PDB file of N, CA and C in Angstrom:
ATOM      1  N   MET A   1      29.204 -23.150   3.489  1.00  0.00           N
ATOM      2  CA  MET A   1      28.110 -22.833   2.600  1.00  0.00           C
ATOM      3  C   MET A   1      28.681 -22.150   1.357  1.00  0.00           C
ATOM      4  N   SER A   2      28.409 -22.695   0.221  1.00  0.00           N
ATOM      5  CA  SER A   2      28.969 -22.167  -1.010  1.00  0.00           C
ATOM      6  C   SER A   2      28.095 -21.035  -1.572  1.00  0.00           C
ATOM      7  N   PHE A   3      28.643 -20.359  -2.551  1.00  0.00           N
ATOM      8  CA  PHE A   3      27.928 -19.259  -3.195  1.00  0.00           C
ATOM      9  C   PHE A   3      26.674 -19.772  -3.889  1.00  0.00           C
ATOM     10  N   ASN A   4      26.774 -20.927  -4.543  1.00  0.00           N
ATOM     11  CA  ASN A   4      25.608 -21.490  -5.234  1.00  0.00           C
ATOM     12  C   ASN A   4      24.494 -21.838  -4.259  1.00  0.00           C
ATOM     13  N   ALA A   5      24.857 -22.293  -3.076  1.00  0.00           N
ATOM     14  CA  ALA A   5      23.856 -22.608  -2.064  1.00  0.00           C
ATOM     15  C   ALA A   5      23.141 -21.342  -1.595  1.00  0.00           C
ATOM     16  N   VAL A   6      23.899 -20.256  -1.471  1.00  0.00           N
ATOM     17  CA  VAL A   6      23.299 -18.983  -1.060  1.00  0.00           C
ATOM     18  C   VAL A   6      22.342 -18.488  -2.136  1.00  0.00           C
ATOM     19  N   VAL A   7      22.768 -18.557  -3.391  1.00  0.00           N
ATOM     20  CA  VAL A   7      21.913 -18.124  -4.498  1.00  0.00           C
ATOM     21  C   VAL A   7      20.657 -18.985  -4.572  1.00  0.00           C
ATOM     22  N   GLN A   8      20.798 -20.280  -4.398  1.00  0.00           N
ATOM     23  CA  GLN A   8      19.638 -21.174  -4.438  1.00  0.00           C
ATOM     24  C   GLN A   8      18.679 -20.863  -3.288  1.00  0.00           C
ATOM     25  N   TYR A   9      19.223 -20.597  -2.105  1.00  0.00           N
ATOM     26  CA  TYR A   9      18.376 -20.247  -0.970  1.00  0.00           C
ATOM     27  C   TYR A   9      17.606 -18.947  -1.247  1.00  0.00           C
ATOM     28  N   LEU A  10      18.304 -17.947  -1.790  1.00  0.00           N
ATOM     29  CA  LEU A  10      17.635 -16.685  -2.092  1.00  0.00           C
ATOM     30  C   LEU A  10      16.558 -16.853  -3.156  1.00  0.00           C
ATOM     31  N   GLN A  11      16.815 -17.692  -4.159  1.00  0.00           N
ATOM     32  CA  GLN A  11      15.810 -17.922  -5.196  1.00  0.00           C
ATOM     33  C   GLN A  11      14.592 -18.637  -4.631  1.00  0.00           C
ATOM     34  N   GLU A  12      14.809 -19.576  -3.728  1.00  0.00           N
ATOM     35  CA  GLU A  12      13.671 -20.268  -3.113  1.00  0.00           C
ATOM     36  C   GLU A  12      12.899 -19.346  -2.188  1.00  0.00           C
ATOM     37  N   ARG A  13      13.620 -18.504  -1.478  1.00  0.00           N
ATOM     38  CA  ARG A  13      12.982 -17.630  -0.488  1.00  0.00           C
ATOM     39  C   ARG A  13      12.266 -16.453  -1.135  1.00  0.00           C
ATOM     40  N   PHE A  14      12.896 -15.804  -2.087  1.00  0.00           N
ATOM     41  CA  PHE A  14      12.352 -14.582  -2.649  1.00  0.00           C
ATOM     42  C   PHE A  14      11.925 -14.698  -4.104  1.00  0.00           C
ATOM     43  N   GLY A  15      12.198 -15.782  -4.740  1.00  0.00           N
ATOM     44  CA  GLY A  15      11.899 -15.896  -6.152  1.00  0.00           C
ATOM     45  C   GLY A  15      12.841 -15.009  -6.938  1.00  0.00           C
ATOM     46  N   GLU A  16      12.324 -14.251  -7.868  1.00  0.00           N
ATOM     47  CA  GLU A  16      13.154 -13.360  -8.683  1.00  0.00           C
ATOM     48  C   GLU A  16      13.229 -11.944  -8.102  1.00  0.00           C
ATOM     49  N   THR A  17      12.497 -11.691  -7.029  1.00  0.00           N
ATOM     50  CA  THR A  17      12.466 -10.322  -6.506  1.00  0.00           C
ATOM     51  C   THR A  17      13.753  -9.920  -5.824  1.00  0.00           C
ATOM     52  N   TYR A  18      14.555 -10.882  -5.373  1.00  0.00           N
ATOM     53  CA  TYR A  18      15.777 -10.500  -4.677  1.00  0.00           C
ATOM     54  C   TYR A  18      16.740  -9.765  -5.610  1.00  0.00           C
ATOM     55  N   GLN A  19      16.701 -10.068  -6.896  1.00  0.00           N
ATOM     56  CA  GLN A  19      17.581  -9.382  -7.834  1.00  0.00           C
ATOM     57  C   GLN A  19      17.204  -7.912  -7.951  1.00  0.00           C
ATOM     58  N   VAL A  20      15.921  -7.645  -8.063  1.00  0.00           N
ATOM     59  CA  VAL A  20      15.466  -6.254  -8.170  1.00  0.00           C
ATOM     60  C   VAL A  20      15.738  -5.519  -6.866  1.00  0.00           C
ATOM     61  N   ASP A  21      15.479  -6.162  -5.732  1.00  0.00           N
ATOM     62  CA  ASP A  21      15.731  -5.514  -4.444  1.00  0.00           C
ATOM     63  C   ASP A  21      17.206  -5.208  -4.254  1.00  0.00           C
ATOM     64  N   THR A  22      18.059  -6.116  -4.695  1.00  0.00           N
ATOM     65  CA  THR A  22      19.497  -5.887  -4.584  1.00  0.00           C
ATOM     66  C   THR A  22      19.924  -4.717  -5.465  1.00  0.00           C
ATOM     67  N   LEU A  23      19.407  -4.650  -6.681  1.00  0.00           N
ATOM     68  CA  LEU A  23      19.745  -3.544  -7.571  1.00  0.00           C
ATOM     69  C   LEU A  23      19.255  -2.210  -7.017  1.00  0.00           C
ATOM     70  N   VAL A  24      18.047  -2.196  -6.462  1.00  0.00           N
ATOM     71  CA  VAL A  24      17.518  -0.963  -5.867  1.00  0.00           C
ATOM     72  C   VAL A  24      18.384  -0.541  -4.684  1.00  0.00           C
ATOM     73  N   PHE A  25      18.794  -1.504  -3.867  1.00  0.00           N
ATOM     74  CA  PHE A  25      19.658  -1.204  -2.720  1.00  0.00           C
ATOM     75  C   PHE A  25      20.988  -0.613  -3.188  1.00  0.00           C
ATOM     76  N   LEU A  26      21.586  -1.201  -4.204  1.00  0.00           N
ATOM     77  CA  LEU A  26      22.873  -0.715  -4.693  1.00  0.00           C
ATOM     78  C   LEU A  26      22.751   0.668  -5.343  1.00  0.00           C
ATOM     79  N   VAL A  27      21.667   0.902  -6.068  1.00  0.00           N
ATOM     80  CA  VAL A  27      21.468   2.227  -6.670  1.00  0.00           C
ATOM     81  C   VAL A  27      21.196   3.270  -5.587  1.00  0.00           C
ATOM     82  N   THR A  28      20.542   2.871  -4.505  1.00  0.00           N
ATOM     83  CA  THR A  28      20.309   3.787  -3.394  1.00  0.00           C
ATOM     84  C   THR A  28      21.630   4.180  -2.736  1.00  0.00           C
ATOM     85  N   ILE A  29      22.503   3.202  -2.530  1.00  0.00           N
ATOM     86  CA  ILE A  29      23.819   3.507  -1.980  1.00  0.00           C
ATOM     87  C   ILE A  29      24.576   4.435  -2.928  1.00  0.00           C
ATOM     88  N   GLN A  30      24.493   4.161  -4.222  1.00  0.00           N
ATOM     89  CA  GLN A  30      25.136   5.027  -5.202  1.00  0.00           C
ATOM     90  C   GLN A  30      24.553   6.436  -5.128  1.00  0.00           C
ATOM     91  N   GLY A  31      23.256   6.543  -4.890  1.00  0.00           N
ATOM     92  CA  GLY A  31      22.620   7.855  -4.765  1.00  0.00           C
ATOM     93  C   GLY A  31      23.165   8.649  -3.588  1.00  0.00           C
ATOM     94  N   PHE A  32      23.378   7.987  -2.446  1.00  0.00           N
ATOM     95  CA  PHE A  32      23.960   8.679  -1.294  1.00  0.00           C
ATOM     96  C   PHE A  32      25.384   9.140  -1.593  1.00  0.00           C
ATOM     97  N   LEU A  33      26.148   8.300  -2.280  1.00  0.00           N
ATOM     98  CA  LEU A  33      27.514   8.685  -2.621  1.00  0.00           C
ATOM     99  C   LEU A  33      27.538   9.827  -3.639  1.00  0.00           C
ATOM    100  N   VAL A  34      26.622   9.802  -4.584  1.00  0.00           N
ATOM    101  CA  VAL A  34      26.550  10.885  -5.567  1.00  0.00           C
ATOM    102  C   VAL A  34      26.115  12.179  -4.898  1.00  0.00           C
ATOM    103  N   PHE A  35      25.215  12.092  -3.932  1.00  0.00           N
ATOM    104  CA  PHE A  35      24.807  13.293  -3.200  1.00  0.00           C
ATOM    105  C   PHE A  35      26.006  13.928  -2.494  1.00  0.00           C
ATOM    106  N   ALA A  36      26.830  13.103  -1.862  1.00  0.00           N
ATOM    107  CA  ALA A  36      28.037  13.626  -1.209  1.00  0.00           C
ATOM    108  C   ALA A  36      28.982  14.236  -2.244  1.00  0.00           C
ATOM    109  N   PHE A  37      29.063  13.626  -3.415  1.00  0.00           N
ATOM    110  CA  PHE A  37      29.920  14.152  -4.474  1.00  0.00           C
ATOM    111  C   PHE A  37      29.398  15.493  -4.984  1.00  0.00           C
ATOM    112  N   VAL A  38      28.085  15.635  -5.091  1.00  0.00           N
ATOM    113  CA  VAL A  38      27.501  16.908  -5.539  1.00  0.00           C
ATOM    114  C   VAL A  38      27.795  18.006  -4.522  1.00  0.00           C
ATOM    115  N   VAL A  39      27.660  17.696  -3.246  1.00  0.00           N
ATOM    116  CA  VAL A  39      27.962  18.690  -2.211  1.00  0.00           C
ATOM    117  C   VAL A  39      29.429  19.096  -2.278  1.00  0.00           C
ATOM    118  N   ALA A  40      30.313  18.110  -2.434  1.00  0.00           N
ATOM    119  CA  ALA A  40      31.739  18.420  -2.541  1.00  0.00           C
ATOM    120  C   ALA A  40      32.033  19.225  -3.808  1.00  0.00           C
ATOM    121  N   ALA A  41      31.311  18.936  -4.881  1.00  0.00           N
ATOM    122  CA  ALA A  41      31.521  19.672  -6.132  1.00  0.00           C
ATOM    123  C   ALA A  41      31.137  21.133  -5.985  1.00  0.00           C
ATOM    124  N   PHE A  42      30.091  21.409  -5.201  1.00  0.00           N
ATOM    125  CA  PHE A  42      29.706  22.795  -4.996  1.00  0.00           C
ATOM    126  C   PHE A  42      30.763  23.561  -4.194  1.00  0.00           C
ATOM    127  N   PHE A  43      31.490  22.854  -3.329  1.00  0.00           N
ATOM    128  CA  PHE A  43      32.540  23.524  -2.567  1.00  0.00           C
ATOM    129  C   PHE A  43      33.728  23.904  -3.445  1.00  0.00           C
ATOM    130  N   VAL A  44      34.015  23.109  -4.462  1.00  0.00           N
ATOM    131  CA  VAL A  44      35.163  23.420  -5.323  1.00  0.00           C
ATOM    132  C   VAL A  44      34.735  24.136  -6.608  1.00  0.00           C
ATOM    133  N   ALA A  45      33.478  24.542  -6.664  1.00  0.00           N
ATOM    134  CA  ALA A  45      32.972  25.177  -7.887  1.00  0.00           C
ATOM    135  C   ALA A  45      33.671  26.486  -8.201  1.00  0.00           C
ATOM    136  N   GLY A  46      34.219  27.131  -7.211  1.00  0.00           N
ATOM    137  CA  GLY A  46      34.886  28.398  -7.450  1.00  0.00           C
ATOM    138  C   GLY A  46      36.292  28.263  -8.000  1.00  0.00           C
ATOM    139  N   THR A  47      36.826  27.068  -8.027  1.00  0.00           N
ATOM    140  CA  THR A  47      38.175  26.861  -8.544  1.00  0.00           C
ATOM    141  C   THR A  47      38.189  27.139 -10.040  1.00  0.00           C
ATOM    142  N   ALA A  48      39.209  27.799 -10.484  1.00  0.00           N
ATOM    143  CA  ALA A  48      39.237  28.276 -11.870  1.00  0.00           C
ATOM    144  C   ALA A  48      39.217  27.144 -12.892  1.00  0.00           C
ATOM    145  N   ASN A  49      40.048  26.149 -12.756  1.00  0.00           N
ATOM    146  CA  ASN A  49      40.159  25.137 -13.799  1.00  0.00           C
ATOM    147  C   ASN A  49      39.274  23.913 -13.562  1.00  0.00           C
ATOM    148  N   ALA A  50      39.133  23.494 -12.317  1.00  0.00           N
ATOM    149  CA  ALA A  50      38.440  22.245 -12.036  1.00  0.00           C
ATOM    150  C   ALA A  50      36.992  22.431 -11.592  1.00  0.00           C
ATOM    151  N   GLY A  51      36.576  23.642 -11.294  1.00  0.00           N
ATOM    152  CA  GLY A  51      35.249  23.863 -10.727  1.00  0.00           C
ATOM    153  C   GLY A  51      34.112  23.430 -11.628  1.00  0.00           C
ATOM    154  N   PHE A  52      34.081  23.933 -12.858  1.00  0.00           N
ATOM    155  CA  PHE A  52      32.996  23.588 -13.769  1.00  0.00           C
ATOM    156  C   PHE A  52      33.015  22.105 -14.110  1.00  0.00           C
ATOM    157  N   ASN A  53      34.185  21.556 -14.310  1.00  0.00           N
ATOM    158  CA  ASN A  53      34.312  20.141 -14.650  1.00  0.00           C
ATOM    159  C   ASN A  53      33.779  19.257 -13.521  1.00  0.00           C
ATOM    160  N   CYS A  54      34.087  19.608 -12.303  1.00  0.00           N
ATOM    161  CA  CYS A  54      33.635  18.813 -11.161  1.00  0.00           C
ATOM    162  C   CYS A  54      32.118  18.884 -11.009  1.00  0.00           C
ATOM    163  N   VAL A  55      31.545  20.059 -11.164  1.00  0.00           N
ATOM    164  CA  VAL A  55      30.089  20.210 -11.053  1.00  0.00           C
ATOM    165  C   VAL A  55      29.388  19.486 -12.195  1.00  0.00           C
ATOM    166  N   LEU A  56      29.915  19.592 -13.401  1.00  0.00           N
ATOM    167  CA  LEU A  56      29.322  18.889 -14.535  1.00  0.00           C
ATOM    168  C   LEU A  56      29.372  17.375 -14.334  1.00  0.00           C
ATOM    169  N   THR A  57      30.493  16.873 -13.855  1.00  0.00           N
ATOM    170  CA  THR A  57      30.617  15.439 -13.581  1.00  0.00           C
ATOM    171  C   THR A  57      29.637  15.004 -12.492  1.00  0.00           C
ATOM    172  N   ALA A  58      29.452  15.825 -11.475  1.00  0.00           N
ATOM    173  CA  ALA A  58      28.504  15.497 -10.407  1.00  0.00           C
ATOM    174  C   ALA A  58      27.079  15.426 -10.946  1.00  0.00           C
ATOM    175  N   PHE A  59      26.703  16.377 -11.796  1.00  0.00           N
ATOM    176  CA  PHE A  59      25.355  16.348 -12.363  1.00  0.00           C
ATOM    177  C   PHE A  59      25.150  15.154 -13.294  1.00  0.00           C
ATOM    178  N   LEU A  60      26.175  14.805 -14.055  1.00  0.00           N
ATOM    179  CA  LEU A  60      26.061  13.635 -14.928  1.00  0.00           C
ATOM    180  C   LEU A  60      25.947  12.346 -14.116  1.00  0.00           C
ATOM    181  N   ASN A  61      26.712  12.252 -13.032  1.00  0.00           N
ATOM    182  CA  ASN A  61      26.582  11.083 -12.157  1.00  0.00           C
ATOM    183  C   ASN A  61      25.191  11.010 -11.532  1.00  0.00           C
ATOM    184  N   MET A  62      24.655  12.159 -11.153  1.00  0.00           N
ATOM    185  CA  MET A  62      23.314  12.184 -10.580  1.00  0.00           C
ATOM    186  C   MET A  62      22.274  11.752 -11.617  1.00  0.00           C
ATOM    187  N   ALA A  63      22.438  12.187 -12.859  1.00  0.00           N
ATOM    188  CA  ALA A  63      21.502  11.794 -13.916  1.00  0.00           C
ATOM    189  C   ALA A  63      21.550  10.288 -14.179  1.00  0.00           C
ATOM    190  N   VAL A  64      22.739   9.711 -14.182  1.00  0.00           N
ATOM    191  CA  VAL A  64      22.868   8.274 -14.396  1.00  0.00           C
ATOM    192  C   VAL A  64      22.240   7.500 -13.241  1.00  0.00           C
ATOM    193  N   THR A  65      22.449   7.966 -12.028  1.00  0.00           N
ATOM    194  CA  THR A  65      21.885   7.281 -10.861  1.00  0.00           C
ATOM    195  C   THR A  65      20.360   7.360 -10.862  1.00  0.00           C
ATOM    196  N   LEU A  66      19.817   8.536 -11.113  1.00  0.00           N
ATOM    197  CA  LEU A  66      18.357   8.673 -11.155  1.00  0.00           C
ATOM    198  C   LEU A  66      17.756   7.892 -12.321  1.00  0.00           C
ATOM    199  N   GLY A  67      18.428   7.892 -13.454  1.00  0.00           N
ATOM    200  CA  GLY A  67      17.959   7.103 -14.587  1.00  0.00           C
ATOM    201  C   GLY A  67      17.980   5.619 -14.292  1.00  0.00           C
ATOM    202  N   GLY A  68      19.018   5.161 -13.629  1.00  0.00           N
ATOM    203  CA  GLY A  68      19.089   3.751 -13.248  1.00  0.00           C
ATOM    204  C   GLY A  68      17.998   3.365 -12.268  1.00  0.00           C
ATOM    205  N   TYR A  69      17.726   4.240 -11.311  1.00  0.00           N
ATOM    206  CA  TYR A  69      16.654   3.962 -10.356  1.00  0.00           C
ATOM    207  C   TYR A  69      15.301   3.886 -11.077  1.00  0.00           C
ATOM    208  N   TYR A  70      15.072   4.797 -11.998  1.00  0.00           N
ATOM    209  CA  TYR A  70      13.812   4.783 -12.739  1.00  0.00           C
ATOM    210  C   TYR A  70      13.669   3.507 -13.568  1.00  0.00           C
ATOM    211  N   VAL A  71      14.745   3.117 -14.231  1.00  0.00           N
ATOM    212  CA  VAL A  71      14.686   1.907 -15.062  1.00  0.00           C
ATOM    213  C   VAL A  71      14.421   0.683 -14.205  1.00  0.00           C
ATOM    214  N   ILE A  72      15.076   0.585 -13.061  1.00  0.00           N
ATOM    215  CA  ILE A  72      14.916  -0.594 -12.214  1.00  0.00           C
ATOM    216  C   ILE A  72      13.515  -0.649 -11.610  1.00  0.00           C
ATOM    217  N   LYS A  73      13.007   0.493 -11.163  1.00  0.00           N
ATOM    218  CA  LYS A  73      11.718   0.488 -10.467  1.00  0.00           C
ATOM    219  C   LYS A  73      10.502   0.551 -11.385  1.00  0.00           C
ATOM    220  N   HIS A  74      10.571   1.291 -12.484  1.00  0.00           N
ATOM    221  CA  HIS A  74       9.355   1.581 -13.231  1.00  0.00           C
ATOM    222  C   HIS A  74       9.332   1.054 -14.657  1.00  0.00           C
ATOM    223  N   SER A  75      10.442   1.082 -15.329  1.00  0.00           N
ATOM    224  CA  SER A  75      10.428   0.782 -16.757  1.00  0.00           C
ATOM    225  C   SER A  75      11.164  -0.522 -17.022  1.00  0.00           C
ATOM    226  N   ARG A  76      10.502  -1.443 -17.678  1.00  0.00           N
ATOM    227  CA  ARG A  76      11.137  -2.701 -18.063  1.00  0.00           C
ATOM    228  C   ARG A  76      11.248  -2.831 -19.572  1.00  0.00           C
ATOM    229  N   ALA A  77      11.065  -1.734 -20.260  1.00  0.00           N
ATOM    230  CA  ALA A  77      11.171  -1.750 -21.715  1.00  0.00           C
ATOM    231  C   ALA A  77      12.609  -2.054 -22.115  1.00  0.00           C
ATOM    232  N   PRO A  78      12.795  -2.867 -23.144  1.00  0.00           N
ATOM    233  CA  PRO A  78      14.158  -3.215 -23.559  1.00  0.00           C
ATOM    234  C   PRO A  78      15.007  -2.005 -23.932  1.00  0.00           C
ATOM    235  N   ILE A  79      14.399  -0.990 -24.511  1.00  0.00           N
ATOM    236  CA  ILE A  79      15.177   0.189 -24.902  1.00  0.00           C
ATOM    237  C   ILE A  79      15.671   0.937 -23.671  1.00  0.00           C
ATOM    238  N   ALA A  80      14.881   0.992 -22.607  1.00  0.00           N
ATOM    239  CA  ALA A  80      15.293   1.677 -21.385  1.00  0.00           C
ATOM    240  C   ALA A  80      16.425   0.915 -20.692  1.00  0.00           C
ATOM    241  N   VAL A  81      16.289  -0.397 -20.637  1.00  0.00           N
ATOM    242  CA  VAL A  81      17.328  -1.210 -19.994  1.00  0.00           C
ATOM    243  C   VAL A  81      18.626  -1.133 -20.788  1.00  0.00           C
ATOM    244  N   SER A  82      18.531  -1.204 -22.098  1.00  0.00           N
ATOM    245  CA  SER A  82      19.743  -1.152 -22.910  1.00  0.00           C
ATOM    246  C   SER A  82      20.386   0.240 -22.875  1.00  0.00           C
ATOM    247  N   ALA A  83      19.612   1.266 -22.642  1.00  0.00           N
ATOM    248  CA  ALA A  83      20.173   2.606 -22.514  1.00  0.00           C
ATOM    249  C   ALA A  83      20.872   2.792 -21.174  1.00  0.00           C
ATOM    250  N   PHE A  84      20.406   2.092 -20.148  1.00  0.00           N
ATOM    251  CA  PHE A  84      20.985   2.275 -18.813  1.00  0.00           C
ATOM    252  C   PHE A  84      22.259   1.464 -18.607  1.00  0.00           C
ATOM    253  N   PHE A  85      22.274   0.219 -18.988  1.00  0.00           N
ATOM    254  CA  PHE A  85      23.386  -0.661 -18.600  1.00  0.00           C
ATOM    255  C   PHE A  85      24.722  -0.362 -19.264  1.00  0.00           C
ATOM    256  N   PRO A  86      24.807   0.229 -20.431  1.00  0.00           N
ATOM    257  CA  PRO A  86      26.144   0.599 -20.909  1.00  0.00           C
ATOM    258  C   PRO A  86      26.802   1.683 -20.070  1.00  0.00           C
ATOM    259  N   CYS A  87      26.008   2.440 -19.327  1.00  0.00           N
ATOM    260  CA  CYS A  87      26.587   3.491 -18.488  1.00  0.00           C
ATOM    261  C   CYS A  87      27.313   2.860 -17.342  1.00  0.00           C
TER     262      CYS A  87
END
């Protein structure tokens, strides 16, 4: 079974919704990974040189993940999509 056959089957079965469901699933997985990263960042927050940088990076990753989830689920405006995908 080729990749094109799988894509054709999914399009026949789900129409265009499988793309949105796949994106939501992937952003959800990213959310779990970012949550683990935030917890780990709080553990190293006391480190003199890397603590603030790690926490800031964790919060920025969380903002990108939440923004992506919002764009995929609620907002289909071109400006919202174009703001999310370069990240």
